[in-house]
Amino acid sequence: MNEIVKANKKNSLKYLGWALVGGLIGGIPAEFIAYVTDIDAIAAMGTAGGVLVLLNKKINNEK
């Protein structure tokens, strides 16, 4: 049972890391566009989109 918990924790941390990378990949360009256009919602949408796209790609590649 303890081994299963450790494996799940390791996978969770791995996905958290990829979520942070995806947020940066989508968020940095979106933040620039939000700054130029003065529309703050673009930054949040770009960050969330980057996280979703990268995590979806990583999860599907593991299957």
N, C-alpha and C. Protein backbone atom coordinates (compact mmCIF):
# COMPACT_ATOMS: atom_id res chain seq x y z
N MET A 1 0.83 -1.19 0.00
CA MET A 1 0.00 0.00 0.00
C MET A 1 0.87 1.26 0.00
N ASN A 2 1.94 1.25 0.78
CA ASN A 2 2.82 2.40 0.87
C ASN A 2 3.50 2.70 -0.47
N GLU A 3 3.82 1.66 -1.24
CA GLU A 3 4.44 1.84 -2.54
C GLU A 3 3.49 2.51 -3.52
N ILE A 4 2.22 2.19 -3.43
CA ILE A 4 1.22 2.79 -4.31
C ILE A 4 1.10 4.29 -4.00
N VAL A 5 1.10 4.64 -2.73
CA VAL A 5 1.00 6.05 -2.33
C VAL A 5 2.21 6.82 -2.83
N LYS A 6 3.41 6.24 -2.70
CA LYS A 6 4.62 6.90 -3.19
C LYS A 6 4.59 7.08 -4.70
N ALA A 7 4.11 6.08 -5.44
CA ALA A 7 4.02 6.18 -6.90
C ALA A 7 3.03 7.26 -7.30
N ASN A 8 1.89 7.33 -6.61
CA ASN A 8 0.90 8.35 -6.93
C ASN A 8 1.42 9.75 -6.63
N LYS A 9 2.16 9.89 -5.54
CA LYS A 9 2.72 11.19 -5.19
C LYS A 9 3.74 11.62 -6.24
N LYS A 10 4.55 10.69 -6.71
CA LYS A 10 5.55 11.00 -7.72
C LYS A 10 4.87 11.44 -9.02
N ASN A 11 3.80 10.74 -9.43
CA ASN A 11 3.08 11.12 -10.63
C ASN A 11 2.42 12.48 -10.47
N SER A 12 1.87 12.74 -9.29
CA SER A 12 1.21 14.03 -9.05
C SER A 12 2.21 15.18 -9.14
N LEU A 13 3.39 14.99 -8.57
CA LEU A 13 4.41 16.03 -8.64
C LEU A 13 4.90 16.23 -10.07
N LYS A 14 4.98 15.14 -10.82
CA LYS A 14 5.40 15.24 -12.22
C LYS A 14 4.38 16.06 -13.01
N TYR A 15 3.10 15.80 -12.79
CA TYR A 15 2.07 16.55 -13.50
C TYR A 15 2.03 18.01 -13.05
N LEU A 16 2.31 18.26 -11.80
CA LEU A 16 2.36 19.64 -11.31
C LEU A 16 3.48 20.41 -12.01
N GLY A 17 4.61 19.75 -12.18
CA GLY A 17 5.73 20.38 -12.89
C GLY A 17 5.38 20.69 -14.33
N TRP A 18 4.73 19.74 -15.01
CA TRP A 18 4.32 19.99 -16.39
C TRP A 18 3.26 21.09 -16.47
N ALA A 19 2.40 21.17 -15.46
CA ALA A 19 1.39 22.24 -15.43
C ALA A 19 2.07 23.60 -15.32
N LEU A 20 3.11 23.69 -14.50
CA LEU A 20 3.84 24.95 -14.37
C LEU A 20 4.54 25.33 -15.68
N VAL A 21 5.13 24.34 -16.34
CA VAL A 21 5.78 24.61 -17.63
C VAL A 21 4.75 25.06 -18.66
N GLY A 22 3.61 24.39 -18.71
CA GLY A 22 2.56 24.78 -19.65
C GLY A 22 2.03 26.16 -19.37
N GLY A 23 1.92 26.50 -18.08
CA GLY A 23 1.47 27.84 -17.72
C GLY A 23 2.44 28.91 -18.19
N LEU A 24 3.73 28.61 -18.08
CA LEU A 24 4.73 29.56 -18.57
C LEU A 24 4.72 29.67 -20.09
N ILE A 25 4.60 28.53 -20.75
CA ILE A 25 4.61 28.54 -22.22
C ILE A 25 3.41 29.32 -22.77
N GLY A 26 2.25 29.12 -22.18
CA GLY A 26 1.07 29.85 -22.64
C GLY A 26 0.94 31.23 -22.03
N GLY A 27 1.44 31.40 -20.82
CA GLY A 27 1.22 32.64 -20.10
C GLY A 27 2.10 33.79 -20.51
N ILE A 28 3.34 33.52 -20.85
CA ILE A 28 4.26 34.62 -21.19
C ILE A 28 3.81 35.34 -22.47
N PRO A 29 3.54 34.62 -23.56
CA PRO A 29 3.05 35.35 -24.74
C PRO A 29 1.68 36.01 -24.51
N ALA A 30 0.82 35.33 -23.75
CA ALA A 30 -0.50 35.89 -23.48
C ALA A 30 -0.39 37.14 -22.61
N GLU A 31 0.54 37.15 -21.68
CA GLU A 31 0.74 38.34 -20.84
C GLU A 31 1.23 39.51 -21.68
N PHE A 32 2.09 39.25 -22.63
CA PHE A 32 2.56 40.31 -23.52
C PHE A 32 1.41 40.87 -24.35
N ILE A 33 0.60 39.99 -24.90
CA ILE A 33 -0.56 40.44 -25.69
C ILE A 33 -1.54 41.21 -24.81
N ALA A 34 -1.75 40.73 -23.58
CA ALA A 34 -2.65 41.43 -22.65
C ALA A 34 -2.11 42.82 -22.32
N TYR A 35 -0.82 42.93 -22.17
CA TYR A 35 -0.21 44.23 -21.88
C TYR A 35 -0.39 45.20 -23.05
N VAL A 36 -0.15 44.70 -24.26
CA VAL A 36 -0.25 45.55 -25.45
C VAL A 36 -1.69 45.98 -25.71
N THR A 37 -2.63 45.06 -25.55
CA THR A 37 -4.04 45.37 -25.85
C THR A 37 -4.79 45.92 -24.65
N ASP A 38 -4.20 45.87 -23.46
CA ASP A 38 -4.83 46.34 -22.22
C ASP A 38 -6.10 45.56 -21.89
N ILE A 39 -6.08 44.27 -22.21
CA ILE A 39 -7.20 43.37 -21.87
C ILE A 39 -6.62 42.28 -20.97
N ASP A 40 -6.86 42.39 -19.67
CA ASP A 40 -6.22 41.51 -18.69
C ASP A 40 -6.69 40.06 -18.78
N ALA A 41 -7.89 39.82 -19.26
CA ALA A 41 -8.42 38.47 -19.31
C ALA A 41 -7.63 37.57 -20.27
N ILE A 42 -6.96 38.16 -21.22
CA ILE A 42 -6.17 37.37 -22.18
C ILE A 42 -5.07 36.60 -21.47
N ALA A 43 -4.46 37.20 -20.46
CA ALA A 43 -3.37 36.55 -19.74
C ALA A 43 -3.86 35.28 -19.04
N ALA A 44 -5.00 35.35 -18.38
CA ALA A 44 -5.54 34.18 -17.68
C ALA A 44 -5.94 33.09 -18.67
N MET A 45 -6.55 33.48 -19.77
CA MET A 45 -6.96 32.47 -20.77
C MET A 45 -5.75 31.80 -21.40
N GLY A 46 -4.71 32.56 -21.68
CA GLY A 46 -3.51 31.98 -22.28
C GLY A 46 -2.80 31.04 -21.33
N THR A 47 -2.74 31.41 -20.06
CA THR A 47 -2.10 30.55 -19.06
C THR A 47 -2.87 29.25 -18.88
N ALA A 48 -4.18 29.37 -18.73
CA ALA A 48 -5.01 28.16 -18.57
C ALA A 48 -4.95 27.29 -19.81
N GLY A 49 -4.96 27.90 -20.97
CA GLY A 49 -4.86 27.14 -22.22
C GLY A 49 -3.54 26.40 -22.33
N GLY A 50 -2.46 27.05 -21.95
CA GLY A 50 -1.15 26.40 -21.99
C GLY A 50 -1.08 25.19 -21.08
N VAL A 51 -1.65 25.34 -19.87
CA VAL A 51 -1.67 24.22 -18.92
C VAL A 51 -2.48 23.07 -19.49
N LEU A 52 -3.67 23.36 -19.98
CA LEU A 52 -4.55 22.30 -20.48
C LEU A 52 -3.95 21.57 -21.68
N VAL A 53 -3.40 22.32 -22.61
CA VAL A 53 -2.85 21.70 -23.81
C VAL A 53 -1.64 20.82 -23.48
N LEU A 54 -0.73 21.32 -22.66
CA LEU A 54 0.47 20.54 -22.36
C LEU A 54 0.14 19.31 -21.52
N LEU A 55 -0.73 19.44 -20.51
CA LEU A 55 -1.09 18.27 -19.70
C LEU A 55 -1.84 17.24 -20.53
N ASN A 56 -2.71 17.69 -21.41
CA ASN A 56 -3.43 16.75 -22.27
C ASN A 56 -2.46 15.99 -23.16
N LYS A 57 -1.48 16.69 -23.72
CA LYS A 57 -0.47 16.03 -24.56
C LYS A 57 0.35 15.02 -23.77
N LYS A 58 0.79 15.40 -22.56
CA LYS A 58 1.61 14.50 -21.75
C LYS A 58 0.83 13.26 -21.31
N ILE A 59 -0.42 13.44 -20.90
CA ILE A 59 -1.24 12.31 -20.46
C ILE A 59 -1.53 11.37 -21.61
N ASN A 60 -1.83 11.91 -22.79
CA ASN A 60 -2.11 11.06 -23.94
C ASN A 60 -0.86 10.34 -24.43
N ASN A 61 0.31 10.95 -24.30
CA ASN A 61 1.54 10.29 -24.70
C ASN A 61 1.89 9.11 -23.79
N GLU A 62 1.47 9.17 -22.54
CA GLU A 62 1.78 8.09 -21.60
C GLU A 62 0.88 6.87 -21.81
N LYS A 63 -0.26 7.06 -22.43
CA LYS A 63 -1.19 5.93 -22.61
C LYS A 63 -0.72 4.98 -23.66
